[in-house]
Amino acid sequence: MPIDRRLGGAPRWLVGYMLVCLAALLLAATILYVTAADVMAAVSRLPRDGTIPRSVHGIPYAELINRAARNHRLNPALVAAVVFTESGFHAQARSSRGAYGLMQVVPATWRELAGEPACAPEIARLTDPPCMDDPASNLETGTAYLRRLVDQFKGNLPYALAAYNAGAGTVERHEGIPPFPETTRYLRQVALVWLHLQQDGTLTPVWRILLRSANVGSYARAAVVISLIGLTLPLLWVIASPASRPPLAQMRQGVRR
């Protein structure tokens, strides 16, 4: 039988279209499963394994992170996870709340914990207080603050991290992790990044791409839904299309037989 514009009763382009939708569905479902499974594993392991020292490498400011973490008796992998979540390793990051640098330290905390300015004059003059954009100074002050929170909450890492995000007073008032969506996302993001750093000591290129967005799971869920819709609509169209049904004469001829 010669092949014309239709293959099996469906336009030829429809086959390619459905293959693309199916590939997108499989990719999105894989990302959703992997990230969801890893988040669950990371959140459950963090309180138990988050203090186990693991030096980092192959990421920006790795040696500075290792040194600051050792100075304040913290796990370098955990500090690096906080840095990634807070600033994405951007030394001059700014937040709408007035936080600065790699670990997003606010001026009040800086004035309390930072020592004398020890950075180049061209960096010192960029912020007030000075040196908040200096990677080494910012990491030193940020890890000192995180160490204080860990001690304040008696080694409870999820509480300390929640306090780093929402404030120690907020955690104390709620007697635990506050029920804020932002804080929940923050903890999950830190835990997920920490898990991969704890396992590998670095972030693979694939995971760097995935972890750039804290909403990767939401995007994957949306992609799954869109792919399912994309697969379903053409099938409905083919079923409902008059061209997909045999002509009436053929149906009658089949009945006579």
C-alpha atoms as a PDB file:
ATOM      1  CA  MET A   1       0.000   0.000   0.000  1.00  0.00           C
ATOM      2  CA  PRO A   2       1.551   3.353  -0.948  1.00  0.00           C
ATOM      3  CA  ILE A   3       2.273   5.771   1.853  1.00  0.00           C
ATOM      4  CA  ASP A   4       0.701   9.159   1.296  1.00  0.00           C
ATOM      5  CA  ARG A   5       0.340  12.112   3.605  1.00  0.00           C
ATOM      6  CA  ARG A   6      -1.167   9.883   6.277  1.00  0.00           C
ATOM      7  CA  LEU A   7       0.520   7.062   8.184  1.00  0.00           C
ATOM      8  CA  GLY A   8      -1.840   4.627   9.830  1.00  0.00           C
ATOM      9  CA  GLY A   9      -4.701   7.078   9.422  1.00  0.00           C
ATOM     10  CA  ALA A  10      -2.767   9.943  11.070  1.00  0.00           C
ATOM     11  CA  PRO A  11      -0.749  12.754   9.482  1.00  0.00           C
ATOM     12  CA  ARG A  12       2.926  11.929   9.234  1.00  0.00           C
ATOM     13  CA  TRP A  13       3.887  15.021  11.211  1.00  0.00           C
ATOM     14  CA  LEU A  14       1.794  13.720  14.091  1.00  0.00           C
ATOM     15  CA  VAL A  15       4.183  10.825  14.678  1.00  0.00           C
ATOM     16  CA  GLY A  16       7.140  13.154  15.137  1.00  0.00           C
ATOM     17  CA  TYR A  17       5.066  15.518  17.259  1.00  0.00           C
ATOM     18  CA  MET A  18       4.026  12.735  19.632  1.00  0.00           C
ATOM     19  CA  LEU A  19       7.581  11.422  19.868  1.00  0.00           C
ATOM     20  CA  VAL A  20       8.753  14.894  20.936  1.00  0.00           C
ATOM     21  CA  CYS A  21       5.965  15.121  23.527  1.00  0.00           C
ATOM     22  CA  LEU A  22       6.800  11.647  24.820  1.00  0.00           C
ATOM     23  CA  ALA A  23      10.504  12.527  25.130  1.00  0.00           C
ATOM     24  CA  ALA A  24       9.627  15.738  26.981  1.00  0.00           C
ATOM     25  CA  LEU A  25       7.341  13.783  29.295  1.00  0.00           C
ATOM     26  CA  LEU A  26      10.011  11.209  30.103  1.00  0.00           C
ATOM     27  CA  LEU A  27      12.644  13.892  30.720  1.00  0.00           C
ATOM     28  CA  ALA A  28      10.368  15.979  32.961  1.00  0.00           C
ATOM     29  CA  ALA A  29       9.188  12.905  34.873  1.00  0.00           C
ATOM     30  CA  THR A  30      12.799  11.805  35.413  1.00  0.00           C
ATOM     31  CA  ILE A  31      13.811  15.243  36.702  1.00  0.00           C
ATOM     32  CA  LEU A  32      10.754  15.347  38.956  1.00  0.00           C
ATOM     33  CA  TYR A  33      11.436  11.897  40.382  1.00  0.00           C
ATOM     34  CA  VAL A  34      15.163  12.448  40.904  1.00  0.00           C
ATOM     35  CA  THR A  35      14.788  15.861  42.519  1.00  0.00           C
ATOM     36  CA  ALA A  36      11.878  14.750  44.699  1.00  0.00           C
ATOM     37  CA  ALA A  37      13.687  11.598  45.805  1.00  0.00           C
ATOM     38  CA  ASP A  38      16.909  13.504  46.460  1.00  0.00           C
ATOM     39  CA  VAL A  39      15.116  16.237  48.411  1.00  0.00           C
ATOM     40  CA  MET A  40      13.479  13.636  50.660  1.00  0.00           C
ATOM     41  CA  ALA A  41      16.803  11.886  51.215  1.00  0.00           C
ATOM     42  CA  ALA A  42      18.627  15.161  51.854  1.00  0.00           C
ATOM     43  CA  VAL A  43      16.093  16.498  54.349  1.00  0.00           C
ATOM     44  CA  SER A  44      16.131  13.230  56.286  1.00  0.00           C
ATOM     45  CA  ARG A  45      19.937  12.918  56.303  1.00  0.00           C
ATOM     46  CA  LEU A  46      20.872  16.528  57.037  1.00  0.00           C
ATOM     47  CA  PRO A  47      20.183  16.463  60.811  1.00  0.00           C
ATOM     48  CA  ARG A  48      22.265  13.297  61.167  1.00  0.00           C
ATOM     49  CA  ASP A  49      25.096  13.740  58.658  1.00  0.00           C
ATOM     50  CA  GLY A  50      25.280  17.496  58.142  1.00  0.00           C
ATOM     51  CA  THR A  51      28.133  17.931  60.615  1.00  0.00           C
ATOM     52  CA  ILE A  52      30.415  15.314  59.027  1.00  0.00           C
ATOM     53  CA  PRO A  53      33.303  17.341  57.529  1.00  0.00           C
ATOM     54  CA  ARG A  54      33.546  17.160  53.745  1.00  0.00           C
ATOM     55  CA  SER A  55      35.921  19.472  51.919  1.00  0.00           C
ATOM     56  CA  VAL A  56      34.724  20.906  48.625  1.00  0.00           C
ATOM     57  CA  HIS A  57      36.503  21.415  45.311  1.00  0.00           C
ATOM     58  CA  GLY A  58      35.715  22.439  41.766  1.00  0.00           C
ATOM     59  CA  ILE A  59      33.302  25.196  42.805  1.00  0.00           C
ATOM     60  CA  PRO A  60      33.903  28.963  43.100  1.00  0.00           C
ATOM     61  CA  TYR A  61      35.764  30.007  46.249  1.00  0.00           C
ATOM     62  CA  ALA A  62      36.253  26.373  47.301  1.00  0.00           C
ATOM     63  CA  GLU A  63      39.441  26.983  49.273  1.00  0.00           C
ATOM     64  CA  LEU A  64      38.024  30.049  51.023  1.00  0.00           C
ATOM     65  CA  ILE A  65      34.915  28.053  51.946  1.00  0.00           C
ATOM     66  CA  ASN A  66      37.019  25.181  53.293  1.00  0.00           C
ATOM     67  CA  ARG A  67      39.139  27.567  55.371  1.00  0.00           C
ATOM     68  CA  ALA A  68      36.204  29.544  56.804  1.00  0.00           C
ATOM     69  CA  ALA A  69      34.348  26.330  57.648  1.00  0.00           C
ATOM     70  CA  ARG A  70      37.368  24.890  59.454  1.00  0.00           C
ATOM     71  CA  ASN A  71      37.866  28.127  61.364  1.00  0.00           C
ATOM     72  CA  HIS A  72      34.354  27.876  62.774  1.00  0.00           C
ATOM     73  CA  ARG A  73      34.081  24.098  63.111  1.00  0.00           C
ATOM     74  CA  LEU A  74      31.491  23.707  60.382  1.00  0.00           C
ATOM     75  CA  ASN A  75      31.146  21.227  57.549  1.00  0.00           C
ATOM     76  CA  PRO A  76      32.536  22.851  54.361  1.00  0.00           C
ATOM     77  CA  ALA A  77      29.887  21.070  52.271  1.00  0.00           C
ATOM     78  CA  LEU A  78      27.153  22.651  54.410  1.00  0.00           C
ATOM     79  CA  VAL A  79      28.715  26.117  54.192  1.00  0.00           C
ATOM     80  CA  ALA A  80      29.045  25.758  50.412  1.00  0.00           C
ATOM     81  CA  ALA A  81      25.381  24.732  50.204  1.00  0.00           C
ATOM     82  CA  VAL A  82      24.390  27.876  52.110  1.00  0.00           C
ATOM     83  CA  VAL A  83      26.570  30.007  49.812  1.00  0.00           C
ATOM     84  CA  PHE A  84      25.027  28.447  46.699  1.00  0.00           C
ATOM     85  CA  THR A  85      21.492  28.968  48.012  1.00  0.00           C
ATOM     86  CA  GLU A  86      22.093  32.485  49.294  1.00  0.00           C
ATOM     87  CA  SER A  87      24.037  33.986  46.403  1.00  0.00           C
ATOM     88  CA  GLY A  88      24.757  31.385  43.722  1.00  0.00           C
ATOM     89  CA  PHE A  89      28.485  32.028  44.375  1.00  0.00           C
ATOM     90  CA  HIS A  90      28.148  35.697  43.328  1.00  0.00           C
ATOM     91  CA  ALA A  91      30.406  37.774  45.565  1.00  0.00           C
ATOM     92  CA  GLN A  92      28.550  41.020  44.875  1.00  0.00           C
ATOM     93  CA  ALA A  93      25.033  39.655  45.290  1.00  0.00           C
ATOM     94  CA  ARG A  94      22.450  41.974  46.832  1.00  0.00           C
ATOM     95  CA  SER A  95      19.064  41.221  48.334  1.00  0.00           C
ATOM     96  CA  SER A  96      15.987  43.376  48.718  1.00  0.00           C
ATOM     97  CA  ARG A  97      16.469  43.087  52.486  1.00  0.00           C
ATOM     98  CA  GLY A  98      19.889  44.726  52.378  1.00  0.00           C
ATOM     99  CA  ALA A  99      22.030  41.586  52.625  1.00  0.00           C
ATOM    100  CA  TYR A 100      25.415  41.459  50.918  1.00  0.00           C
ATOM    101  CA  GLY A 101      27.862  39.041  49.418  1.00  0.00           C
ATOM    102  CA  LEU A 102      28.355  35.320  49.192  1.00  0.00           C
ATOM    103  CA  MET A 103      26.517  34.525  52.429  1.00  0.00           C
ATOM    104  CA  GLN A 104      24.104  37.458  52.271  1.00  0.00           C
ATOM    105  CA  VAL A 105      25.153  39.027  55.556  1.00  0.00           C
ATOM    106  CA  VAL A 106      23.116  42.027  56.742  1.00  0.00           C
ATOM    107  CA  PRO A 107      24.954  45.127  58.009  1.00  0.00           C
ATOM    108  CA  ALA A 108      23.805  44.682  61.621  1.00  0.00           C
ATOM    109  CA  THR A 109      25.280  41.182  61.783  1.00  0.00           C
ATOM    110  CA  TRP A 110      28.418  42.386  60.031  1.00  0.00           C
ATOM    111  CA  ARG A 111      29.008  45.158  62.563  1.00  0.00           C
ATOM    112  CA  GLU A 112      28.553  42.673  65.396  1.00  0.00           C
ATOM    113  CA  LEU A 113      30.720  39.829  64.124  1.00  0.00           C
ATOM    114  CA  ALA A 114      33.174  41.147  61.541  1.00  0.00           C
ATOM    115  CA  GLY A 115      36.601  42.233  62.582  1.00  0.00           C
ATOM    116  CA  GLU A 116      38.592  45.121  61.205  1.00  0.00           C
ATOM    117  CA  PRO A 117      38.281  45.635  57.449  1.00  0.00           C
ATOM    118  CA  ALA A 118      40.945  43.588  55.690  1.00  0.00           C
ATOM    119  CA  CYS A 119      40.171  43.939  51.999  1.00  0.00           C
ATOM    120  CA  ALA A 120      41.435  46.058  49.117  1.00  0.00           C
ATOM    121  CA  PRO A 121      40.359  49.726  49.213  1.00  0.00           C
ATOM    122  CA  GLU A 122      38.495  49.431  45.903  1.00  0.00           C
ATOM    123  CA  ILE A 123      36.349  46.656  47.429  1.00  0.00           C
ATOM    124  CA  ALA A 124      36.042  48.260  50.854  1.00  0.00           C
ATOM    125  CA  ARG A 125      34.431  51.402  49.482  1.00  0.00           C
ATOM    126  CA  LEU A 126      31.649  49.481  47.722  1.00  0.00           C
ATOM    127  CA  THR A 127      29.675  48.785  50.888  1.00  0.00           C
ATOM    128  CA  ASP A 128      28.892  50.278  54.265  1.00  0.00           C
ATOM    129  CA  PRO A 129      30.185  48.695  56.473  1.00  0.00           C
ATOM    130  CA  PRO A 130      33.249  48.166  54.248  1.00  0.00           C
ATOM    131  CA  CYS A 131      34.462  44.850  52.839  1.00  0.00           C
ATOM    132  CA  MET A 132      31.050  43.132  52.741  1.00  0.00           C
ATOM    133  CA  ASP A 133      31.668  42.242  49.100  1.00  0.00           C
ATOM    134  CA  ASP A 134      35.075  40.739  49.839  1.00  0.00           C
ATOM    135  CA  PRO A 135      34.708  36.951  49.441  1.00  0.00           C
ATOM    136  CA  ALA A 136      37.063  35.970  52.279  1.00  0.00           C
ATOM    137  CA  SER A 137      35.641  38.517  54.738  1.00  0.00           C
ATOM    138  CA  ASN A 138      32.052  37.692  53.862  1.00  0.00           C
ATOM    139  CA  LEU A 139      32.618  33.964  54.236  1.00  0.00           C
ATOM    140  CA  GLU A 140      34.371  34.476  57.559  1.00  0.00           C
ATOM    141  CA  THR A 141      31.546  36.611  58.956  1.00  0.00           C
ATOM    142  CA  GLY A 142      28.778  34.435  57.520  1.00  0.00           C
ATOM    143  CA  THR A 143      30.238  31.218  58.902  1.00  0.00           C
ATOM    144  CA  ALA A 144      30.759  32.885  62.290  1.00  0.00           C
ATOM    145  CA  TYR A 145      27.067  33.782  62.323  1.00  0.00           C
ATOM    146  CA  LEU A 146      26.026  30.284  61.240  1.00  0.00           C
ATOM    147  CA  ARG A 147      28.244  28.787  63.969  1.00  0.00           C
ATOM    148  CA  ARG A 148      26.527  30.979  66.546  1.00  0.00           C
ATOM    149  CA  LEU A 149      23.108  29.810  65.359  1.00  0.00           C
ATOM    150  CA  VAL A 150      24.179  26.148  65.475  1.00  0.00           C
ATOM    151  CA  ASP A 151      25.357  26.635  69.063  1.00  0.00           C
ATOM    152  CA  GLN A 152      22.216  28.603  69.983  1.00  0.00           C
ATOM    153  CA  PHE A 153      19.978  25.756  68.795  1.00  0.00           C
ATOM    154  CA  LYS A 154      22.179  23.084  70.373  1.00  0.00           C
ATOM    155  CA  GLY A 155      23.426  21.555  67.141  1.00  0.00           C
ATOM    156  CA  ASN A 156      20.021  21.303  65.463  1.00  0.00           C
ATOM    157  CA  LEU A 157      21.014  22.081  61.864  1.00  0.00           C
ATOM    158  CA  PRO A 158      17.498  22.511  60.412  1.00  0.00           C
ATOM    159  CA  TYR A 159      16.679  25.019  63.173  1.00  0.00           C
ATOM    160  CA  ALA A 160      19.959  26.857  62.646  1.00  0.00           C
ATOM    161  CA  LEU A 161      19.424  27.044  58.891  1.00  0.00           C
ATOM    162  CA  ALA A 162      15.836  28.196  59.348  1.00  0.00           C
ATOM    163  CA  ALA A 163      17.153  30.898  61.683  1.00  0.00           C
ATOM    164  CA  TYR A 164      19.739  31.924  59.077  1.00  0.00           C
ATOM    165  CA  ASN A 165      16.867  32.485  56.665  1.00  0.00           C
ATOM    166  CA  ALA A 166      14.041  33.753  58.863  1.00  0.00           C
ATOM    167  CA  GLY A 167      15.845  34.961  61.988  1.00  0.00           C
ATOM    168  CA  ALA A 168      16.604  33.301  65.304  1.00  0.00           C
ATOM    169  CA  GLY A 169      13.750  35.089  67.039  1.00  0.00           C
ATOM    170  CA  THR A 170      11.258  33.721  64.523  1.00  0.00           C
ATOM    171  CA  VAL A 171      12.426  30.151  65.099  1.00  0.00           C
ATOM    172  CA  GLU A 172      12.222  30.631  68.855  1.00  0.00           C
ATOM    173  CA  ARG A 173       8.702  32.076  68.670  1.00  0.00           C
ATOM    174  CA  HIS A 174       7.492  29.123  66.615  1.00  0.00           C
ATOM    175  CA  GLU A 175       9.497  26.683  68.769  1.00  0.00           C
ATOM    176  CA  GLY A 176      10.852  25.167  65.575  1.00  0.00           C
ATOM    177  CA  ILE A 177      10.929  25.734  61.844  1.00  0.00           C
ATOM    178  CA  PRO A 178       8.454  28.504  61.008  1.00  0.00           C
ATOM    179  CA  PRO A 179       5.663  27.535  58.581  1.00  0.00           C
ATOM    180  CA  PHE A 180       6.760  29.960  55.887  1.00  0.00           C
ATOM    181  CA  PRO A 181       6.910  28.726  52.262  1.00  0.00           C
ATOM    182  CA  GLU A 182      10.112  30.701  51.700  1.00  0.00           C
ATOM    183  CA  THR A 183      11.838  29.055  54.666  1.00  0.00           C
ATOM    184  CA  THR A 184      10.616  25.611  53.628  1.00  0.00           C
ATOM    185  CA  ARG A 185      11.985  26.105  50.110  1.00  0.00           C
ATOM    186  CA  TYR A 186      15.227  27.444  51.549  1.00  0.00           C
ATOM    187  CA  LEU A 187      15.765  24.408  53.768  1.00  0.00           C
ATOM    188  CA  ARG A 188      15.017  22.005  50.933  1.00  0.00           C
ATOM    189  CA  GLN A 189      17.384  23.824  48.613  1.00  0.00           C
ATOM    190  CA  VAL A 190      20.233  23.888  51.145  1.00  0.00           C
ATOM    191  CA  ALA A 191      19.677  20.226  51.980  1.00  0.00           C
ATOM    192  CA  LEU A 192      19.623  19.180  48.315  1.00  0.00           C
ATOM    193  CA  VAL A 193      22.821  21.076  47.473  1.00  0.00           C
ATOM    194  CA  TRP A 194      24.483  19.792  50.644  1.00  0.00           C
ATOM    195  CA  LEU A 195      23.623  16.179  49.768  1.00  0.00           C
ATOM    196  CA  HIS A 196      25.439  16.357  46.430  1.00  0.00           C
ATOM    197  CA  LEU A 197      28.393  18.208  47.877  1.00  0.00           C
ATOM    198  CA  GLN A 198      28.588  15.719  50.750  1.00  0.00           C
ATOM    199  CA  GLN A 199      28.601  12.801  48.320  1.00  0.00           C
ATOM    200  CA  ASP A 200      30.897  14.135  45.607  1.00  0.00           C
ATOM    201  CA  GLY A 201      32.694  17.103  47.163  1.00  0.00           C
ATOM    202  CA  THR A 202      31.601  19.143  44.156  1.00  0.00           C
ATOM    203  CA  LEU A 203      28.605  19.832  41.932  1.00  0.00           C
ATOM    204  CA  THR A 204      28.492  18.014  38.600  1.00  0.00           C
ATOM    205  CA  PRO A 205      27.565  20.093  35.529  1.00  0.00           C
ATOM    206  CA  VAL A 206      24.124  18.457  35.321  1.00  0.00           C
ATOM    207  CA  TRP A 207      23.305  19.231  38.932  1.00  0.00           C
ATOM    208  CA  ARG A 208      24.630  22.774  38.623  1.00  0.00           C
ATOM    209  CA  ILE A 209      22.064  23.329  35.891  1.00  0.00           C
ATOM    210  CA  LEU A 210      19.238  21.706  37.846  1.00  0.00           C
ATOM    211  CA  LEU A 211      20.065  23.471  41.105  1.00  0.00           C
ATOM    212  CA  ARG A 212      20.210  26.947  39.599  1.00  0.00           C
ATOM    213  CA  SER A 213      16.474  27.166  40.158  1.00  0.00           C
ATOM    214  CA  ALA A 214      14.892  26.414  43.505  1.00  0.00           C
ATOM    215  CA  ASN A 215      11.642  25.780  41.617  1.00  0.00           C
ATOM    216  CA  VAL A 216      13.003  23.034  39.394  1.00  0.00           C
ATOM    217  CA  GLY A 217      10.455  20.614  40.854  1.00  0.00           C
ATOM    218  CA  SER A 218       7.599  22.997  40.072  1.00  0.00           C
ATOM    219  CA  TYR A 219       8.867  23.443  36.522  1.00  0.00           C
ATOM    220  CA  ALA A 220       9.157  19.686  36.085  1.00  0.00           C
ATOM    221  CA  ARG A 221       5.592  19.163  37.324  1.00  0.00           C
ATOM    222  CA  ALA A 222       4.332  21.792  34.891  1.00  0.00           C
ATOM    223  CA  ALA A 223       6.292  20.147  32.071  1.00  0.00           C
ATOM    224  CA  VAL A 224       4.731  16.768  32.893  1.00  0.00           C
ATOM    225  CA  VAL A 225       1.218  18.238  32.719  1.00  0.00           C
ATOM    226  CA  ILE A 226       1.918  20.108  29.478  1.00  0.00           C
ATOM    227  CA  SER A 227       3.466  17.008  27.890  1.00  0.00           C
ATOM    228  CA  LEU A 228       0.465  14.887  28.863  1.00  0.00           C
ATOM    229  CA  ILE A 229      -1.878  17.443  27.345  1.00  0.00           C
ATOM    230  CA  GLY A 230       0.298  17.566  24.244  1.00  0.00           C
ATOM    231  CA  LEU A 231       0.046  13.784  23.906  1.00  0.00           C
ATOM    232  CA  THR A 232      -3.683  13.595  24.576  1.00  0.00           C
ATOM    233  CA  LEU A 233      -5.014  16.332  22.284  1.00  0.00           C
ATOM    234  CA  PRO A 234      -3.700  14.865  18.996  1.00  0.00           C
ATOM    235  CA  LEU A 235      -5.088  11.447  19.916  1.00  0.00           C
ATOM    236  CA  LEU A 236      -8.494  12.965  20.506  1.00  0.00           C
ATOM    237  CA  TRP A 237      -8.196  14.848  17.239  1.00  0.00           C
ATOM    238  CA  VAL A 238      -7.348  11.682  15.301  1.00  0.00           C
ATOM    239  CA  ILE A 239     -10.211   9.766  16.892  1.00  0.00           C
ATOM    240  CA  ALA A 240     -12.698  12.543  16.192  1.00  0.00           C
ATOM    241  CA  SER A 241     -11.429  13.300  12.678  1.00  0.00           C
ATOM    242  CA  PRO A 242     -13.756  12.094   9.871  1.00  0.00           C
ATOM    243  CA  ALA A 243     -10.690  11.056   7.878  1.00  0.00           C
ATOM    244  CA  SER A 244      -9.817   8.511  10.566  1.00  0.00           C
ATOM    245  CA  ARG A 245     -13.126   6.668  10.057  1.00  0.00           C
ATOM    246  CA  PRO A 246     -13.760   4.367   7.061  1.00  0.00           C
ATOM    247  CA  PRO A 247     -16.210   5.638   4.452  1.00  0.00           C
ATOM    248  CA  LEU A 248     -19.842   4.536   4.771  1.00  0.00           C
ATOM    249  CA  ALA A 249     -19.637   2.514   1.540  1.00  0.00           C
ATOM    250  CA  GLN A 250     -16.740   0.474   2.949  1.00  0.00           C
ATOM    251  CA  MET A 251     -18.651  -0.132   6.152  1.00  0.00           C
ATOM    252  CA  ARG A 252     -21.685  -1.412   4.189  1.00  0.00           C
ATOM    253  CA  GLN A 253     -19.498  -3.616   2.051  1.00  0.00           C
ATOM    254  CA  GLY A 254     -17.989  -5.101   5.167  1.00  0.00           C
ATOM    255  CA  VAL A 255     -21.475  -5.856   6.544  1.00  0.00           C
ATOM    256  CA  ARG A 256     -22.516  -7.684   3.337  1.00  0.00           C
ATOM    257  CA  ARG A 257     -19.487  -9.916   3.675  1.00  0.00           C
END
